[in-house]
């Protein structure tokens, strides 16, 4: 029987396995990647729609102020 005392070098058998795994993973270099979900892409596109809508609203406001805005009653009746 061999007794090594309280400071045994091989006390944790999983330590060697853990060292091997960390050495292997250190050799593999992973690149960071960023993926944008479909929902995020839609939200980004909505920003473009918002600016287009604001421009359209400004044109309508200017036409109203200049008394040039005409309501298409037939089209309004069809939508309602």
PDB file of N, CA and C in Angstrom:
ATOM      1  N   UNK A   1       0.841  -1.168   0.000  1.00  0.00           N
ATOM      2  CA  UNK A   1       0.000   0.000   0.000  1.00  0.00           C
ATOM      3  C   UNK A   1       0.890   1.237   0.000  1.00  0.00           C
ATOM      4  N   UNK A   2       0.529   2.198  -0.851  1.00  0.00           N
ATOM      5  CA  UNK A   2       1.342   3.402  -0.985  1.00  0.00           C
ATOM      6  C   UNK A   2       0.543   4.587  -0.433  1.00  0.00           C
ATOM      7  N   UNK A   3       1.067   5.277   0.527  1.00  0.00           N
ATOM      8  CA  UNK A   3       0.420   6.447   1.118  1.00  0.00           C
ATOM      9  C   UNK A   3       1.285   7.661   0.816  1.00  0.00           C
ATOM     10  N   UNK A   4       0.644   8.703   0.218  1.00  0.00           N
ATOM     11  CA  UNK A   4       1.395   9.890  -0.176  1.00  0.00           C
ATOM     12  C   UNK A   4       1.156  11.072   0.754  1.00  0.00           C
ATOM     13  N   UNK A   5       0.268  10.997   1.686  1.00  0.00           N
ATOM     14  CA  UNK A   5       0.022  12.097   2.604  1.00  0.00           C
ATOM     15  C   UNK A   5      -1.128  12.980   2.137  1.00  0.00           C
ATOM     16  N   UNK A   6      -1.342  14.134   2.784  1.00  0.00           N
ATOM     17  CA  UNK A   6      -2.492  14.982   2.487  1.00  0.00           C
ATOM     18  C   UNK A   6      -2.391  15.738   1.156  1.00  0.00           C
ATOM     19  N   UNK A   7      -1.206  15.923   0.623  1.00  0.00           N
ATOM     20  CA  UNK A   7      -1.035  16.659  -0.633  1.00  0.00           C
ATOM     21  C   UNK A   7      -0.841  15.705  -1.799  1.00  0.00           C
ATOM     22  N   UNK A   8      -1.865  14.951  -2.112  1.00  0.00           N
ATOM     23  CA  UNK A   8      -1.772  14.007  -3.213  1.00  0.00           C
ATOM     24  C   UNK A   8      -1.873  14.756  -4.537  1.00  0.00           C
ATOM     25  N   UNK A   9      -1.042  14.413  -5.478  1.00  0.00           N
ATOM     26  CA  UNK A   9      -1.024  15.103  -6.764  1.00  0.00           C
ATOM     27  C   UNK A   9      -2.160  14.646  -7.685  1.00  0.00           C
ATOM     28  N   UNK A  10      -2.590  13.427  -7.568  1.00  0.00           N
ATOM     29  CA  UNK A  10      -3.651  12.902  -8.426  1.00  0.00           C
ATOM     30  C   UNK A  10      -4.956  12.738  -7.651  1.00  0.00           C
ATOM     31  N   UNK A  11      -5.267  13.671  -6.794  1.00  0.00           N
ATOM     32  CA  UNK A  11      -6.452  13.571  -5.953  1.00  0.00           C
ATOM     33  C   UNK A  11      -7.733  13.677  -6.785  1.00  0.00           C
ATOM     34  N   UNK A  12      -7.737  14.573  -7.791  1.00  0.00           N
ATOM     35  CA  UNK A  12      -8.908  14.770  -8.639  1.00  0.00           C
ATOM     36  C   UNK A  12      -8.637  14.143 -10.008  1.00  0.00           C
ATOM     37  N   UNK A  13      -9.235  12.992 -10.307  1.00  0.00           N
ATOM     38  CA  UNK A  13      -8.960  12.344 -11.590  1.00  0.00           C
ATOM     39  C   UNK A  13      -9.542  13.118 -12.775  1.00  0.00           C
ATOM     40  N   UNK A  14     -10.520  13.959 -12.542  1.00  0.00           N
ATOM     41  CA  UNK A  14     -11.135  14.728 -13.629  1.00  0.00           C
ATOM     42  C   UNK A  14     -10.291  15.937 -14.027  1.00  0.00           C
ATOM     43  N   UNK A  15      -9.309  16.273 -13.215  1.00  0.00           N
ATOM     44  CA  UNK A  15      -8.475  17.434 -13.484  1.00  0.00           C
ATOM     45  C   UNK A  15      -7.689  17.260 -14.785  1.00  0.00           C
ATOM     46  N   UNK A  16      -7.165  16.062 -15.022  1.00  0.00           N
ATOM     47  CA  UNK A  16      -6.424  15.804 -16.259  1.00  0.00           C
ATOM     48  C   UNK A  16      -7.331  15.919 -17.480  1.00  0.00           C
ATOM     49  N   UNK A  17      -8.537  15.400 -17.363  1.00  0.00           N
ATOM     50  CA  UNK A  17      -9.486  15.497 -18.475  1.00  0.00           C
ATOM     51  C   UNK A  17      -9.831  16.955 -18.743  1.00  0.00           C
ATOM     52  N   UNK A  18     -10.018  17.707 -17.670  1.00  0.00           N
ATOM     53  CA  UNK A  18     -10.358  19.121 -17.797  1.00  0.00           C
ATOM     54  C   UNK A  18      -9.216  19.885 -18.474  1.00  0.00           C
ATOM     55  N   UNK A  19      -7.990  19.587 -18.132  1.00  0.00           N
ATOM     56  CA  UNK A  19      -6.840  20.242 -18.762  1.00  0.00           C
ATOM     57  C   UNK A  19      -6.794  19.943 -20.258  1.00  0.00           C
ATOM     58  N   UNK A  20      -7.030  18.693 -20.618  1.00  0.00           N
ATOM     59  CA  UNK A  20      -7.010  18.311 -22.023  1.00  0.00           C
ATOM     60  C   UNK A  20      -8.088  19.053 -22.813  1.00  0.00           C
ATOM     61  N   UNK A  21      -9.274  19.164 -22.231  1.00  0.00           N
ATOM     62  CA  UNK A  21     -10.370  19.847 -22.918  1.00  0.00           C
ATOM     63  C   UNK A  21     -10.076  21.331 -23.105  1.00  0.00           C
ATOM     64  N   UNK A  22      -9.497  21.964 -22.095  1.00  0.00           N
ATOM     65  CA  UNK A  22      -9.186  23.390 -22.227  1.00  0.00           C
ATOM     66  C   UNK A  22      -8.073  23.606 -23.238  1.00  0.00           C
ATOM     67  N   UNK A  23      -7.128  22.697 -23.319  1.00  0.00           N
ATOM     68  CA  UNK A  23      -6.057  22.827 -24.298  1.00  0.00           C
ATOM     69  C   UNK A  23      -6.608  22.644 -25.716  1.00  0.00           C
ATOM     70  N   UNK A  24      -7.539  21.712 -25.883  1.00  0.00           N
ATOM     71  CA  UNK A  24      -8.128  21.489 -27.200  1.00  0.00           C
ATOM     72  C   UNK A  24      -8.989  22.671 -27.620  1.00  0.00           C
ATOM     73  N   UNK A  25      -9.759  23.202 -26.686  1.00  0.00           N
ATOM     74  CA  UNK A  25     -10.636  24.320 -27.034  1.00  0.00           C
ATOM     75  C   UNK A  25      -9.830  25.592 -27.280  1.00  0.00           C
ATOM     76  N   UNK A  26      -8.662  25.718 -26.682  1.00  0.00           N
ATOM     77  CA  UNK A  26      -7.819  26.887 -26.916  1.00  0.00           C
ATOM     78  C   UNK A  26      -7.274  26.877 -28.342  1.00  0.00           C
ATOM     79  N   UNK A  27      -7.105  25.703 -28.913  1.00  0.00           N
ATOM     80  CA  UNK A  27      -6.611  25.587 -30.279  1.00  0.00           C
ATOM     81  C   UNK A  27      -7.657  25.947 -31.318  1.00  0.00           C
ATOM     82  N   UNK A  28      -8.915  25.872 -30.943  1.00  0.00           N
ATOM     83  CA  UNK A  28     -10.004  26.189 -31.869  1.00  0.00           C
ATOM     84  C   UNK A  28     -10.363  27.656 -31.687  1.00  0.00           C
ATOM     85  N   UNK A  29     -10.263  28.395 -32.770  1.00  0.00           N
ATOM     86  CA  UNK A  29     -10.631  29.808 -32.679  1.00  0.00           C
ATOM     87  C   UNK A  29     -12.024  29.992 -33.263  1.00  0.00           C
ATOM     88  N   UNK A  30     -12.866  30.629 -32.499  1.00  0.00           N
ATOM     89  CA  UNK A  30     -14.228  30.891 -32.945  1.00  0.00           C
ATOM     90  C   UNK A  30     -14.358  32.368 -33.262  1.00  0.00           C
ATOM     91  N   UNK A  31     -15.020  32.656 -34.353  1.00  0.00           N
ATOM     92  CA  UNK A  31     -15.262  34.036 -34.738  1.00  0.00           C
ATOM     93  C   UNK A  31     -16.610  34.473 -34.200  1.00  0.00           C
ATOM     94  N   UNK A  32     -16.684  35.704 -33.788  1.00  0.00           N
ATOM     95  CA  UNK A  32     -17.953  36.249 -33.327  1.00  0.00           C
ATOM     96  C   UNK A  32     -18.868  36.448 -34.519  1.00  0.00           C
ATOM     97  N   UNK A  33     -20.125  36.147 -34.323  1.00  0.00           N
ATOM     98  CA  UNK A  33     -21.097  36.308 -35.392  1.00  0.00           C
ATOM     99  C   UNK A  33     -22.314  37.031 -34.849  1.00  0.00           C
ATOM    100  N   UNK A  34     -22.934  37.783 -35.715  1.00  0.00           N
ATOM    101  CA  UNK A  34     -24.141  38.510 -35.357  1.00  0.00           C
ATOM    102  C   UNK A  34     -25.206  38.185 -36.379  1.00  0.00           C
ATOM    103  N   UNK A  35     -26.344  37.723 -35.888  1.00  0.00           N
ATOM    104  CA  UNK A  35     -27.460  37.427 -36.772  1.00  0.00           C
ATOM    105  C   UNK A  35     -28.629  38.311 -36.373  1.00  0.00           C
ATOM    106  N   UNK A  36     -29.228  38.927 -37.367  1.00  0.00           N
ATOM    107  CA  UNK A  36     -30.386  39.775 -37.117  1.00  0.00           C
ATOM    108  C   UNK A  36     -31.626  38.972 -37.476  1.00  0.00           C
ATOM    109  N   UNK A  37     -32.549  38.881 -36.543  1.00  0.00           N
ATOM    110  CA  UNK A  37     -33.755  38.097 -36.770  1.00  0.00           C
ATOM    111  C   UNK A  37     -34.657  38.790 -37.787  1.00  0.00           C
ATOM    112  N   UNK A  38     -35.604  38.024 -38.290  1.00  0.00           N
ATOM    113  CA  UNK A  38     -36.549  38.575 -39.264  1.00  0.00           C
ATOM    114  C   UNK A  38     -37.358  39.714 -38.651  1.00  0.00           C
ATOM    115  N   UNK A  39     -37.722  39.560 -37.372  1.00  0.00           N
ATOM    116  CA  UNK A  39     -38.492  40.607 -36.701  1.00  0.00           C
ATOM    117  C   UNK A  39     -37.677  41.891 -36.604  1.00  0.00           C
ATOM    118  N   UNK A  40     -36.396  41.776 -36.307  1.00  0.00           N
ATOM    119  CA  UNK A  40     -35.539  42.960 -36.213  1.00  0.00           C
ATOM    120  C   UNK A  40     -35.398  43.634 -37.571  1.00  0.00           C
ATOM    121  N   UNK A  41     -35.327  42.836 -38.631  1.00  0.00           N
ATOM    122  CA  UNK A  41     -35.239  43.410 -39.977  1.00  0.00           C
ATOM    123  C   UNK A  41     -36.512  44.173 -40.321  1.00  0.00           C
ATOM    124  N   UNK A  42     -37.658  43.627 -39.926  1.00  0.00           N
ATOM    125  CA  UNK A  42     -38.928  44.314 -40.171  1.00  0.00           C
ATOM    126  C   UNK A  42     -38.973  45.628 -39.405  1.00  0.00           C
ATOM    127  N   UNK A  43     -38.490  45.602 -38.167  1.00  0.00           N
ATOM    128  CA  UNK A  43     -38.486  46.826 -37.368  1.00  0.00           C
ATOM    129  C   UNK A  43     -37.563  47.878 -37.969  1.00  0.00           C
ATOM    130  N   UNK A  44     -36.446  47.450 -38.535  1.00  0.00           N
ATOM    131  CA  UNK A  44     -35.550  48.396 -39.193  1.00  0.00           C
ATOM    132  C   UNK A  44     -36.216  48.996 -40.427  1.00  0.00           C
ATOM    133  N   UNK A  45     -36.947  48.173 -41.167  1.00  0.00           N
ATOM    134  CA  UNK A  45     -37.648  48.672 -42.351  1.00  0.00           C
ATOM    135  C   UNK A  45     -38.757  49.638 -41.972  1.00  0.00           C
ATOM    136  N   UNK A  46     -39.363  49.443 -40.812  1.00  0.00           N
ATOM    137  CA  UNK A  46     -40.423  50.346 -40.370  1.00  0.00           C
ATOM    138  C   UNK A  46     -39.887  51.756 -40.159  1.00  0.00           C
ATOM    139  N   UNK A  47     -38.627  51.878 -39.811  1.00  0.00           N
ATOM    140  CA  UNK A  47     -38.018  53.201 -39.673  1.00  0.00           C
ATOM    141  C   UNK A  47     -38.066  53.956 -40.988  1.00  0.00           C
ATOM    142  N   UNK A  48     -37.836  53.258 -42.112  1.00  0.00           N
ATOM    143  CA  UNK A  48     -37.920  53.877 -43.432  1.00  0.00           C
ATOM    144  C   UNK A  48     -39.359  54.270 -43.748  1.00  0.00           C
ATOM    145  N   UNK A  49     -40.290  53.426 -43.358  1.00  0.00           N
ATOM    146  CA  UNK A  49     -41.696  53.718 -43.601  1.00  0.00           C
ATOM    147  C   UNK A  49     -42.115  54.950 -42.798  1.00  0.00           C
ATOM    148  N   UNK A  50     -41.620  55.060 -41.583  1.00  0.00           N
ATOM    149  CA  UNK A  50     -41.962  56.205 -40.738  1.00  0.00           C
ATOM    150  C   UNK A  50     -41.520  57.510 -41.394  1.00  0.00           C
ATOM    151  N   UNK A  51     -40.314  57.540 -41.951  1.00  0.00           N
ATOM    152  CA  UNK A  51     -39.837  58.769 -42.581  1.00  0.00           C
ATOM    153  C   UNK A  51     -40.650  59.091 -43.831  1.00  0.00           C
ATOM    154  N   UNK A  52     -41.001  58.065 -44.611  1.00  0.00           N
ATOM    155  CA  UNK A  52     -41.822  58.282 -45.797  1.00  0.00           C
ATOM    156  C   UNK A  52     -43.203  58.805 -45.401  1.00  0.00           C
ATOM    157  N   UNK A  53     -43.740  58.262 -44.333  1.00  0.00           N
ATOM    158  CA  UNK A  53     -45.059  58.692 -43.869  1.00  0.00           C
ATOM    159  C   UNK A  53     -45.022  60.140 -43.391  1.00  0.00           C
ATOM    160  N   UNK A  54     -43.963  60.504 -42.667  1.00  0.00           N
ATOM    161  CA  UNK A  54     -43.823  61.886 -42.196  1.00  0.00           C
ATOM    162  C   UNK A  54     -43.740  62.861 -43.368  1.00  0.00           C
ATOM    163  N   UNK A  55     -42.993  62.488 -44.404  1.00  0.00           N
ATOM    164  CA  UNK A  55     -42.884  63.334 -45.596  1.00  0.00           C
ATOM    165  C   UNK A  55     -44.247  63.495 -46.264  1.00  0.00           C
ATOM    166  N   UNK A  56     -44.996  62.405 -46.358  1.00  0.00           N
ATOM    167  CA  UNK A  56     -46.324  62.461 -46.980  1.00  0.00           C
ATOM    168  C   UNK A  56     -47.262  63.358 -46.169  1.00  0.00           C
ATOM    169  N   UNK A  57     -47.200  63.232 -44.849  1.00  0.00           N
ATOM    170  CA  UNK A  57     -48.043  64.061 -43.976  1.00  0.00           C
ATOM    171  C   UNK A  57     -47.681  65.532 -44.124  1.00  0.00           C
ATOM    172  N   UNK A  58     -46.389  65.821 -44.231  1.00  0.00           N
ATOM    173  CA  UNK A  58     -45.961  67.216 -44.406  1.00  0.00           C
ATOM    174  C   UNK A  58     -46.481  67.793 -45.722  1.00  0.00           C
ATOM    175  N   UNK A  59     -46.455  66.975 -46.782  1.00  0.00           N
ATOM    176  CA  UNK A  59     -46.984  67.438 -48.079  1.00  0.00           C
ATOM    177  C   UNK A  59     -48.478  67.737 -47.984  1.00  0.00           C
ATOM    178  N   UNK A  60     -49.210  66.867 -47.285  1.00  0.00           N
ATOM    179  CA  UNK A  60     -50.653  67.086 -47.120  1.00  0.00           C
ATOM    180  C   UNK A  60     -50.913  68.348 -46.304  1.00  0.00           C
ATOM    181  N   UNK A  61     -50.127  68.550 -45.235  1.00  0.00           N
ATOM    182  CA  UNK A  61     -50.281  69.761 -44.410  1.00  0.00           C
ATOM    183  C   UNK A  61     -50.034  71.025 -45.239  1.00  0.00           C
ATOM    184  N   UNK A  62     -49.002  70.982 -46.062  1.00  0.00           N
ATOM    185  CA  UNK A  62     -48.697  72.142 -46.902  1.00  0.00           C
ATOM    186  C   UNK A  62     -49.807  72.399 -47.913  1.00  0.00           C
ATOM    187  N   UNK A  63     -50.384  71.330 -48.466  1.00  0.00           N
ATOM    188  CA  UNK A  63     -51.483  71.484 -49.423  1.00  0.00           C
ATOM    189  C   UNK A  63     -52.719  72.048 -48.734  1.00  0.00           C
ATOM    190  N   UNK A  64     -52.983  71.640 -47.505  1.00  0.00           N
ATOM    191  CA  UNK A  64     -54.129  72.168 -46.754  1.00  0.00           C
ATOM    192  C   UNK A  64     -53.924  73.645 -46.461  1.00  0.00           C
ATOM    193  N   UNK A  65     -52.708  73.998 -46.030  1.00  0.00           N
ATOM    194  CA  UNK A  65     -52.414  75.403 -45.729  1.00  0.00           C
ATOM    195  C   UNK A  65     -52.551  76.283 -46.975  1.00  0.00           C
ATOM    196  N   UNK A  66     -52.234  75.743 -48.136  1.00  0.00           N
ATOM    197  CA  UNK A  66     -52.301  76.507 -49.382  1.00  0.00           C
ATOM    198  C   UNK A  66     -53.677  76.388 -50.054  1.00  0.00           C
ATOM    199  N   UNK A  67     -54.631  75.730 -49.384  1.00  0.00           N
ATOM    200  CA  UNK A  67     -55.977  75.491 -49.934  1.00  0.00           C
ATOM    201  C   UNK A  67     -55.942  74.754 -51.265  1.00  0.00           C
ATOM    202  N   UNK A  68     -54.989  73.857 -51.427  1.00  0.00           N
ATOM    203  CA  UNK A  68     -54.861  73.076 -52.651  1.00  0.00           C
ATOM    204  C   UNK A  68     -55.236  71.614 -52.445  1.00  0.00           C
ATOM    205  N   UNK A  69     -55.526  71.232 -51.210  1.00  0.00           N
ATOM    206  CA  UNK A  69     -55.837  69.832 -50.916  1.00  0.00           C
ATOM    207  C   UNK A  69     -57.292  69.558 -51.260  1.00  0.00           C
ATOM    208  N   UNK A  70     -57.511  68.528 -52.076  1.00  0.00           N
ATOM    209  CA  UNK A  70     -58.862  68.160 -52.476  1.00  0.00           C
ATOM    210  C   UNK A  70     -59.140  66.734 -52.017  1.00  0.00           C
ATOM    211  N   UNK A  71     -60.271  66.536 -51.397  1.00  0.00           N
ATOM    212  CA  UNK A  71     -60.666  65.222 -50.906  1.00  0.00           C
ATOM    213  C   UNK A  71     -61.381  64.474 -52.019  1.00  0.00           C
ATOM    214  N   UNK A  72     -60.981  63.248 -52.258  1.00  0.00           N
ATOM    215  CA  UNK A  72     -61.646  62.389 -53.222  1.00  0.00           C
ATOM    216  C   UNK A  72     -62.749  61.650 -52.471  1.00  0.00           C
ATOM    217  N   UNK A  73     -63.960  62.146 -52.559  1.00  0.00           N
ATOM    218  CA  UNK A  73     -65.082  61.618 -51.787  1.00  0.00           C
ATOM    219  C   UNK A  73     -65.441  60.190 -52.190  1.00  0.00           C
ATOM    220  N   UNK A  74     -65.331  59.861 -53.449  1.00  0.00           N
ATOM    221  CA  UNK A  74     -65.669  58.521 -53.907  1.00  0.00           C
ATOM    222  C   UNK A  74     -64.699  57.486 -53.322  1.00  0.00           C
ATOM    223  N   UNK A  75     -63.419  57.816 -53.335  1.00  0.00           N
ATOM    224  CA  UNK A  75     -62.420  56.905 -52.796  1.00  0.00           C
ATOM    225  C   UNK A  75     -62.589  56.752 -51.279  1.00  0.00           C
ATOM    226  N   UNK A  76     -62.918  57.855 -50.615  1.00  0.00           N
ATOM    227  CA  UNK A  76     -63.150  57.817 -49.166  1.00  0.00           C
ATOM    228  C   UNK A  76     -64.356  56.947 -48.861  1.00  0.00           C
ATOM    229  N   UNK A  77     -65.411  57.033 -49.652  1.00  0.00           N
ATOM    230  CA  UNK A  77     -66.622  56.231 -49.449  1.00  0.00           C
ATOM    231  C   UNK A  77     -66.337  54.744 -49.669  1.00  0.00           C
ATOM    232  N   UNK A  78     -65.482  54.419 -50.628  1.00  0.00           N
ATOM    233  CA  UNK A  78     -65.147  53.011 -50.901  1.00  0.00           C
ATOM    234  C   UNK A  78     -64.354  52.404 -49.746  1.00  0.00           C
ATOM    235  N   UNK A  79     -63.466  53.179 -49.121  1.00  0.00           N
ATOM    236  CA  UNK A  79     -62.646  52.662 -48.024  1.00  0.00           C
ATOM    237  C   UNK A  79     -63.465  52.465 -46.754  1.00  0.00           C
ATOM    238  N   UNK A  80     -64.525  53.197 -46.573  1.00  0.00           N
ATOM    239  CA  UNK A  80     -65.303  53.145 -45.341  1.00  0.00           C
ATOM    240  C   UNK A  80     -66.304  52.101 -45.352  1.00  0.00           C
TER     241      UNK A  80
END
